Amino acid sequence: MTITFVSNYINHHQIPFSNACYRELGEGYHFIQTEPMEAERVAMGWGEGLEGLPYVKCFYEEPKACRELLLNSDIAVFGWIQREELLDVTAVIKERLKRGKPSLRVSERLYREGQWKAVSPRGLLKKYKEHTRFRREQVGLLCAGEYVASDFHLVRAYPGKMFRFGYFPETRHFTREELEGKKPGDGNLHFVWAGRFMPLKHPEFAVRIGEELRREGYGFHIHMAGSGELEEALKRQVQEKGLADAFTFYGYMEPARVREVMERCHVHLFTSNHLEGWGAVVNESMNSGCAVVGNVEAGAVPCLVRHGENGLTYHRSYEDFAAQVKALAKDRGKIGQMGWAAYRTVADLWNAEHAAVELLRFAREWLETGRMVPAREGPFSAAPVTAFPRRRR
């Protein structure tokens, strides 16, 4: 069996999944990169570990060979391709269907800014040409985020053919004792916030909760891993509020170093809003044994976080976020339990190796029977049409 995955470029969120597929299929697995990685991502360390991957081919270097792979592979998986002029995905899928070959699309949300955009006639025509036209064909959708299926349901695309998917960073394996041994024993509650300092990710929530925790007498330290346009303003606020001793700003770091910071923390503050399609830092922090306090609007949170079991979710507002953080701070005994449950969620289910095995199982059954058979849970399970959450009252 041959499977070819195509996307704009490969990165550390996709390499573990591709490595796992390659271990299963050998030369039957390929990843096609359509363009070089952007300079900003390279500066963030996303380019580390990309050299010498035996399954990667570059469309901009070998367009003919890559197109042949896409047309002739048993299964083609079409991911994120920003420049349509480089590769007309719809045309390739139509040609594959003529040859009797099924395909999968991978997508985040269509309507992150609001499902009201689905009423646009021009937009609906575009969605018909790209997606809805395949509603009765051998084309399925892998949903990278909890609300993806709801968006595609609005345009009547892929009925009964939508499955849960996501990003799968490296999975590290620990015993419970090893993981607990990495956490500081200084009496403080250690929080980590990780990502680009930009408005949609709301890093200012970390400063605001720090001010409240200090005022209410909690011992804590907040580790800020990342950089971006809001960095200087955040550092200034921390100084002005007298919180410099409770914050560490690391700047941009390679992904492996971010993981080391996460492993030394108890709680991950994930404050991205509805514009966050997935949020792979949630996978990474859970694998690091962190209980997550996460915004339920972001795509990964409802897939990975079970409120009260392996973390806590909040609904949009800073006030709800602060209430969840304080609930954890008041019951420190739960944090270790949630952190271990978070680790098990990734180590047992939401990881690259399991996703690769499910892809191969899914693909073989599809090729042999013509039916798309979902997994019972996790990657490749049926994606529910989940309504976007309303604000809690």
Protein backbone atom coordinates (compact mmCIF):
# COMPACT_ATOMS: atom_id res chain seq x y z
CA MET A 1 0.00 0.00 0.00
CA THR A 2 1.20 3.50 -0.82
CA ILE A 3 0.12 6.65 1.03
CA THR A 4 1.20 10.17 0.10
CA PHE A 5 0.60 13.16 2.38
CA VAL A 6 0.95 16.62 0.83
CA SER A 7 1.11 19.94 2.68
CA ASN A 8 2.74 23.35 2.42
CA TYR A 9 5.77 22.13 4.45
CA ILE A 10 6.64 19.52 7.02
CA ASN A 11 7.33 20.60 10.61
CA HIS A 12 7.84 19.19 14.10
CA HIS A 13 4.06 18.79 14.54
CA GLN A 14 3.93 16.41 11.56
CA ILE A 15 7.30 14.64 11.62
CA PRO A 16 6.41 12.13 14.38
CA PHE A 17 3.26 11.10 12.48
CA SER A 18 5.18 10.79 9.22
CA ASN A 19 7.98 8.87 10.93
CA ALA A 20 5.42 6.44 12.32
CA CYS A 21 3.81 6.01 8.89
CA TYR A 22 7.25 5.41 7.35
CA ARG A 23 8.05 2.76 9.96
CA GLU A 24 4.84 0.96 8.98
CA LEU A 25 5.04 1.37 5.19
CA GLY A 26 8.70 2.01 4.40
CA GLU A 27 9.03 3.29 0.84
CA GLY A 28 5.26 3.12 0.53
CA TYR A 29 4.94 6.39 2.49
CA HIS A 30 5.75 9.85 1.10
CA PHE A 31 5.35 13.44 2.28
CA ILE A 32 5.29 16.15 -0.38
CA GLN A 33 6.23 19.67 0.64
CA THR A 34 4.86 22.31 -1.74
CA GLU A 35 6.99 25.29 -0.63
CA PRO A 36 9.85 26.20 1.73
CA MET A 37 9.03 27.09 5.32
CA GLU A 38 8.49 30.78 6.14
CA ALA A 39 11.39 32.65 7.72
CA GLU A 40 9.38 33.41 10.90
CA ARG A 41 8.77 29.70 11.54
CA VAL A 42 12.43 28.89 10.89
CA ALA A 43 13.41 31.58 13.44
CA MET A 44 11.12 29.86 15.98
CA GLY A 45 13.08 26.62 15.60
CA TRP A 46 10.50 24.85 13.45
CA GLY A 47 13.15 23.91 10.92
CA GLU A 48 15.10 21.74 13.33
CA GLY A 49 15.29 18.03 12.52
CA LEU A 50 14.04 18.30 8.93
CA GLU A 51 17.25 17.26 7.20
CA GLY A 52 17.58 13.78 5.77
CA LEU A 53 13.99 12.62 6.14
CA PRO A 54 13.85 9.81 3.54
CA TYR A 55 10.15 10.15 2.72
CA VAL A 56 10.10 13.92 1.99
CA LYS A 57 9.92 15.20 -1.57
CA CYS A 58 9.71 18.84 -2.60
CA PHE A 59 7.09 19.74 -5.20
CA TYR A 60 9.02 22.90 -6.14
CA GLU A 61 12.06 20.74 -7.00
CA GLU A 62 10.40 17.67 -8.56
CA PRO A 63 6.94 18.74 -9.75
CA LYS A 64 6.48 15.93 -12.27
CA ALA A 65 7.53 13.12 -9.92
CA CYS A 66 5.45 14.56 -7.08
CA ARG A 67 2.36 14.86 -9.26
CA GLU A 68 2.74 11.24 -10.34
CA LEU A 69 2.95 10.17 -6.72
CA LEU A 70 -0.23 12.08 -5.90
CA LEU A 71 -2.11 10.58 -8.82
CA ASN A 72 -0.98 7.00 -8.34
CA SER A 73 -0.75 6.43 -4.59
CA ASP A 74 -3.42 4.16 -3.14
CA ILE A 75 -4.40 6.91 -0.69
CA ALA A 76 -3.57 10.61 -1.03
CA VAL A 77 -3.97 12.90 1.99
CA PHE A 78 -4.27 16.59 1.11
CA GLY A 79 -3.33 18.90 3.96
CA TRP A 80 -2.70 22.63 4.20
CA ILE A 81 -1.75 24.11 0.80
CA GLN A 82 -1.85 27.89 0.83
CA ARG A 83 -0.73 28.59 -2.73
CA GLU A 84 -3.33 27.02 -5.02
CA GLU A 85 -1.37 28.08 -8.08
CA LEU A 86 1.30 25.56 -7.10
CA LEU A 87 -1.08 22.63 -6.84
CA ASP A 88 -4.74 22.43 -7.86
CA VAL A 89 -5.97 19.96 -5.25
CA THR A 90 -9.49 19.73 -6.70
CA ALA A 91 -8.17 18.80 -10.13
CA VAL A 92 -5.86 16.13 -8.65
CA ILE A 93 -8.71 14.61 -6.61
CA LYS A 94 -10.98 14.53 -9.68
CA GLU A 95 -8.28 12.75 -11.67
CA ARG A 96 -7.72 10.27 -8.84
CA LEU A 97 -11.46 9.51 -8.75
CA LYS A 98 -11.36 8.76 -12.48
CA ARG A 99 -8.63 6.23 -11.70
CA GLY A 100 -10.71 4.71 -8.89
CA LYS A 101 -8.43 6.04 -6.14
CA PRO A 102 -9.83 7.53 -2.90
CA SER A 103 -8.57 10.65 -1.18
CA LEU A 104 -8.63 12.37 2.19
CA ARG A 105 -8.69 16.09 2.89
CA VAL A 106 -7.33 17.58 6.14
CA SER A 107 -8.77 20.86 7.35
CA GLU A 108 -9.08 23.20 10.27
CA ARG A 109 -12.21 25.35 10.55
CA LEU A 110 -13.77 27.03 7.51
CA TYR A 111 -15.48 29.77 9.52
CA ARG A 112 -13.30 30.68 12.47
CA GLU A 113 -14.58 34.26 12.38
CA GLY A 114 -18.21 33.14 12.50
CA GLN A 115 -20.51 30.69 10.74
CA TRP A 116 -22.58 33.60 9.45
CA LYS A 117 -20.02 33.74 6.63
CA ALA A 118 -21.55 30.53 5.27
CA VAL A 119 -24.41 32.57 3.76
CA SER A 120 -22.12 34.25 1.22
CA PRO A 121 -23.14 33.03 -2.29
CA ARG A 122 -19.62 33.56 -3.58
CA GLY A 123 -18.15 31.66 -0.65
CA LEU A 124 -20.65 28.82 -1.00
CA LEU A 125 -19.77 28.43 -4.68
CA LYS A 126 -16.09 28.19 -3.78
CA LYS A 127 -16.84 25.61 -1.07
CA TYR A 128 -18.95 23.63 -3.53
CA LYS A 129 -16.12 23.47 -6.04
CA GLU A 130 -13.54 22.49 -3.39
CA HIS A 131 -15.59 20.22 -1.13
CA THR A 132 -19.35 19.78 -1.53
CA ARG A 133 -19.03 18.37 -5.05
CA PHE A 134 -17.37 15.31 -3.48
CA ARG A 135 -20.18 14.57 -1.00
CA ARG A 136 -21.03 11.25 -2.72
CA GLU A 137 -17.51 10.41 -3.86
CA GLN A 138 -14.72 8.41 -2.25
CA VAL A 139 -13.33 11.47 -0.52
CA GLY A 140 -13.27 11.89 3.26
CA LEU A 141 -12.38 14.70 5.65
CA LEU A 142 -9.96 14.61 8.57
CA CYS A 143 -11.04 17.31 11.04
CA ALA A 144 -8.19 19.09 12.84
CA GLY A 145 -10.32 20.62 15.58
CA GLU A 146 -13.60 20.04 17.37
CA TYR A 147 -15.71 22.49 15.36
CA VAL A 148 -14.49 21.61 11.87
CA ALA A 149 -17.29 19.12 11.22
CA SER A 150 -19.90 21.74 12.14
CA ASP A 151 -18.50 24.17 9.54
CA PHE A 152 -18.44 21.54 6.78
CA HIS A 153 -21.91 20.34 7.77
CA LEU A 154 -23.19 23.85 6.98
CA VAL A 155 -22.02 23.51 3.37
CA ARG A 156 -23.29 19.91 3.19
CA ALA A 157 -19.87 18.47 2.51
CA TYR A 158 -18.61 14.99 3.43
CA PRO A 159 -21.80 13.66 5.12
CA GLY A 160 -20.92 10.62 7.22
CA LYS A 161 -17.31 10.92 6.07
CA MET A 162 -15.76 13.25 8.68
CA PHE A 163 -13.22 11.93 11.18
CA ARG A 164 -11.24 13.32 14.09
CA PHE A 165 -7.63 14.20 13.44
CA GLY A 166 -5.19 16.85 14.66
CA TYR A 167 -1.50 17.53 15.12
CA PHE A 168 0.80 14.96 16.68
CA PRO A 169 4.04 16.32 18.15
CA GLU A 170 6.68 14.03 19.59
CA THR A 171 5.42 11.77 22.38
CA ARG A 172 7.77 11.27 25.30
CA HIS A 173 7.32 8.33 27.65
CA PHE A 174 7.78 8.42 31.42
CA THR A 175 6.78 6.47 34.47
CA ARG A 176 4.63 8.42 36.90
CA GLU A 177 7.55 8.65 39.28
CA GLU A 178 9.84 10.02 36.56
CA LEU A 179 7.30 12.64 35.53
CA GLU A 180 6.56 13.72 39.10
CA GLY A 181 10.28 13.90 39.78
CA LYS A 182 10.64 16.60 37.12
CA LYS A 183 8.20 18.92 38.87
CA PRO A 184 9.70 21.47 41.30
CA GLY A 185 9.30 20.80 44.99
CA ASP A 186 9.79 24.42 46.11
CA GLY A 187 6.20 24.83 47.28
CA ASN A 188 5.28 27.11 44.38
CA LEU A 189 2.72 26.30 41.71
CA HIS A 190 4.54 26.49 38.37
CA PHE A 191 2.52 27.57 35.32
CA VAL A 192 3.65 27.53 31.69
CA TRP A 193 2.30 29.68 28.87
CA ALA A 194 3.72 28.80 25.42
CA GLY A 195 3.24 30.31 21.97
CA ARG A 196 3.56 33.47 19.97
CA PHE A 197 2.78 36.65 21.88
CA MET A 198 -0.04 37.87 19.67
CA PRO A 199 -3.62 39.08 20.31
CA LEU A 200 -5.50 35.87 19.40
CA LYS A 201 -3.45 33.91 21.96
CA HIS A 202 -4.14 36.35 24.84
CA PRO A 203 -0.80 36.11 26.68
CA GLU A 204 -1.95 39.06 28.81
CA PHE A 205 -4.23 36.64 30.67
CA ALA A 206 -1.07 35.19 32.27
CA VAL A 207 -0.07 38.61 33.63
CA ARG A 208 -3.56 39.36 34.92
CA ILE A 209 -3.85 36.03 36.73
CA GLY A 210 -0.36 36.53 38.16
CA GLU A 211 -1.46 39.84 39.65
CA GLU A 212 -4.53 38.20 41.22
CA LEU A 213 -2.63 35.21 42.56
CA ARG A 214 -0.03 37.51 44.17
CA ARG A 215 -2.75 39.65 45.72
CA GLU A 216 -4.46 36.56 47.16
CA GLY A 217 -1.26 35.17 48.64
CA TYR A 218 -0.52 32.17 46.41
CA GLY A 219 3.04 31.01 45.82
CA PHE A 220 3.62 30.61 42.09
CA HIS A 221 5.89 31.14 39.12
CA ILE A 222 4.76 31.70 35.52
CA HIS A 223 7.05 30.58 32.68
CA MET A 224 6.45 32.44 29.39
CA ALA A 225 7.91 30.44 26.48
CA GLY A 226 7.76 32.35 23.22
CA SER A 227 8.01 35.78 21.69
CA GLY A 228 6.11 38.10 19.40
CA GLU A 229 4.59 41.52 18.96
CA LEU A 230 3.22 41.80 22.52
CA GLU A 231 6.41 40.73 24.30
CA GLU A 232 7.74 44.14 25.31
CA ALA A 233 4.33 45.33 26.52
CA LEU A 234 3.95 42.19 28.65
CA LYS A 235 7.39 42.57 30.18
CA ARG A 236 6.61 46.20 31.00
CA GLN A 237 3.33 45.21 32.68
CA VAL A 238 5.11 42.57 34.77
CA GLN A 239 7.62 45.17 35.96
CA GLU A 240 4.97 47.80 36.68
CA LYS A 241 2.90 45.34 38.73
CA GLY A 242 5.87 44.24 40.81
CA LEU A 243 5.76 40.68 39.47
CA ALA A 244 9.27 40.37 38.01
CA ASP A 245 10.26 37.75 40.60
CA ALA A 246 7.28 35.57 39.60
CA PHE A 247 7.80 35.54 35.82
CA THR A 248 10.46 34.15 33.49
CA PHE A 249 10.44 35.16 29.81
CA TYR A 250 12.41 32.71 27.66
CA GLY A 251 11.94 34.16 24.17
CA TYR A 252 11.78 31.89 21.16
CA MET A 253 13.20 28.44 21.85
CA GLU A 254 13.58 25.24 19.90
CA PRO A 255 10.58 22.93 20.43
CA ALA A 256 12.66 20.49 22.51
CA ARG A 257 13.58 23.24 24.97
CA VAL A 258 9.94 24.31 25.27
CA ARG A 259 9.13 20.73 26.25
CA GLU A 260 11.78 20.87 28.98
CA VAL A 261 10.10 23.94 30.44
CA MET A 262 6.70 22.23 30.30
CA GLU A 263 8.04 19.17 32.08
CA ARG A 264 9.11 21.42 34.98
CA CYS A 265 5.62 22.91 35.32
CA HIS A 266 2.37 21.77 36.92
CA VAL A 267 -0.25 23.66 34.90
CA HIS A 268 -0.46 24.84 31.29
CA LEU A 269 -2.35 28.08 30.65
CA PHE A 270 -3.81 27.82 27.14
CA THR A 271 -5.57 31.08 26.42
CA SER A 272 -5.98 31.15 22.62
CA ASN A 273 -9.39 32.26 21.35
CA HIS A 274 -11.68 30.95 18.60
CA LEU A 275 -9.12 31.78 15.90
CA GLU A 276 -6.84 28.96 17.08
CA GLY A 277 -7.51 26.04 14.76
CA TRP A 278 -5.87 23.37 16.92
CA GLY A 279 -3.07 24.28 19.35
CA ALA A 280 -0.35 21.61 19.42
CA VAL A 281 1.11 23.05 22.62
CA VAL A 282 -1.85 21.39 24.36
CA ASN A 283 -0.64 17.95 23.18
CA GLU A 284 2.88 18.81 24.29
CA SER A 285 1.98 20.11 27.73
CA MET A 286 -0.32 17.16 28.46
CA ASN A 287 2.45 14.78 27.43
CA SER A 288 4.62 16.71 29.90
CA GLY A 289 2.22 15.96 32.76
CA CYS A 290 0.62 19.39 32.96
CA ALA A 291 -2.99 19.88 33.92
CA VAL A 292 -4.43 22.22 31.28
CA VAL A 293 -6.61 25.25 31.83
CA GLY A 294 -7.79 25.78 28.25
CA ASN A 295 -10.28 27.83 26.28
CA VAL A 296 -12.96 25.49 24.95
CA GLU A 297 -13.19 27.61 21.77
CA ALA A 298 -9.77 26.43 20.53
CA GLY A 299 -9.89 23.31 18.36
CA ALA A 300 -7.70 20.95 20.41
CA VAL A 301 -9.25 21.60 23.82
CA PRO A 302 -12.59 19.75 23.46
CA CYS A 303 -10.80 16.86 21.73
CA LEU A 304 -8.11 16.41 24.39
CA VAL A 305 -9.25 17.98 27.67
CA ARG A 306 -11.97 16.34 29.77
CA HIS A 307 -13.10 18.98 32.25
CA GLY A 308 -12.32 17.88 35.79
CA GLU A 309 -10.36 14.78 34.73
CA ASN A 310 -7.18 15.83 32.91
CA GLY A 311 -7.61 19.59 33.06
CA LEU A 312 -10.20 22.34 33.24
CA THR A 313 -11.89 24.22 30.42
CA TYR A 314 -13.20 27.76 30.41
CA HIS A 315 -15.53 29.62 28.10
CA ARG A 316 -14.01 32.63 26.41
CA SER A 317 -13.87 35.23 29.20
CA TYR A 318 -10.95 36.14 31.42
CA GLU A 319 -13.25 35.88 34.44
CA ASP A 320 -14.04 32.21 33.71
CA PHE A 321 -10.36 31.53 33.04
CA ALA A 322 -9.36 33.08 36.38
CA ALA A 323 -12.01 31.08 38.22
CA GLN A 324 -10.64 27.79 36.81
CA VAL A 325 -7.03 28.67 37.64
CA LYS A 326 -7.94 29.58 41.21
CA ALA A 327 -9.95 26.37 41.57
CA LEU A 328 -6.76 24.44 40.83
CA ALA A 329 -4.63 26.63 43.05
CA LYS A 330 -6.98 25.98 45.97
CA ASP A 331 -6.89 22.20 45.49
CA ARG A 332 -3.27 21.35 44.79
CA GLY A 333 -3.95 17.65 45.34
CA LYS A 334 -5.93 17.48 42.10
CA ILE A 335 -3.16 18.91 39.97
CA GLY A 336 -0.96 15.82 40.12
CA GLN A 337 -3.91 13.54 39.36
CA MET A 338 -4.98 15.68 36.41
CA GLY A 339 -1.41 15.96 35.14
CA TRP A 340 -1.00 12.18 35.10
CA ALA A 341 -4.38 11.74 33.40
CA ALA A 342 -3.31 14.35 30.84
CA TYR A 343 -0.10 12.41 30.20
CA ARG A 344 -2.03 9.17 29.70
CA THR A 345 -4.43 10.86 27.24
CA VAL A 346 -1.51 11.57 24.91
CA ALA A 347 0.66 8.55 25.65
CA ASP A 348 -2.22 6.09 25.16
CA LEU A 349 -4.42 7.65 22.49
CA TRP A 350 -3.68 11.06 20.98
CA ASN A 351 -0.20 10.35 19.66
CA ALA A 352 1.53 9.94 16.30
CA GLU A 353 2.06 6.20 16.56
CA HIS A 354 -1.59 5.46 17.34
CA ALA A 355 -2.76 7.87 14.61
CA ALA A 356 -0.50 6.16 12.05
CA VAL A 357 -1.78 2.70 12.97
CA GLU A 358 -5.36 3.97 12.65
CA LEU A 359 -4.60 5.55 9.27
CA LEU A 360 -3.30 2.24 7.94
CA ARG A 361 -6.23 0.32 9.41
CA PHE A 362 -8.67 2.86 7.98
CA ALA A 363 -6.98 2.85 4.56
CA ARG A 364 -6.86 -0.95 4.24
CA GLU A 365 -10.53 -1.36 5.10
CA TRP A 366 -11.45 1.44 2.70
CA LEU A 367 -9.46 -0.06 -0.17
CA GLU A 368 -10.75 -3.58 0.48
CA THR A 369 -14.43 -2.82 1.13
CA GLY A 370 -15.07 0.67 -0.20
CA ARG A 371 -16.30 1.70 3.27
CA MET A 372 -14.82 4.26 5.66
CA VAL A 373 -14.87 2.57 9.07
CA PRO A 374 -14.20 4.93 11.99
CA ALA A 375 -12.16 4.15 15.08
CA ARG A 376 -13.98 3.85 18.40
CA GLU A 377 -12.19 6.87 19.92
CA GLY A 378 -9.36 9.28 19.27
CA PRO A 379 -7.83 9.83 15.80
CA PHE A 380 -10.04 8.56 12.95
CA SER A 381 -13.11 8.26 15.18
CA ALA A 382 -16.28 9.85 13.79
CA ALA A 383 -16.14 13.64 14.11
CA PRO A 384 -19.31 14.93 15.80
CA VAL A 385 -21.09 18.00 14.47
CA THR A 386 -20.36 20.04 17.59
CA ALA A 387 -22.00 23.44 17.90
CA PHE A 388 -19.65 26.28 18.75
CA PRO A 389 -19.97 26.97 22.50
CA ARG A 390 -21.95 29.85 23.86
CA ARG A 391 -20.65 31.93 26.73
CA ARG A 392 -21.31 30.49 30.19
CA ARG A 393 -23.74 32.45 32.34
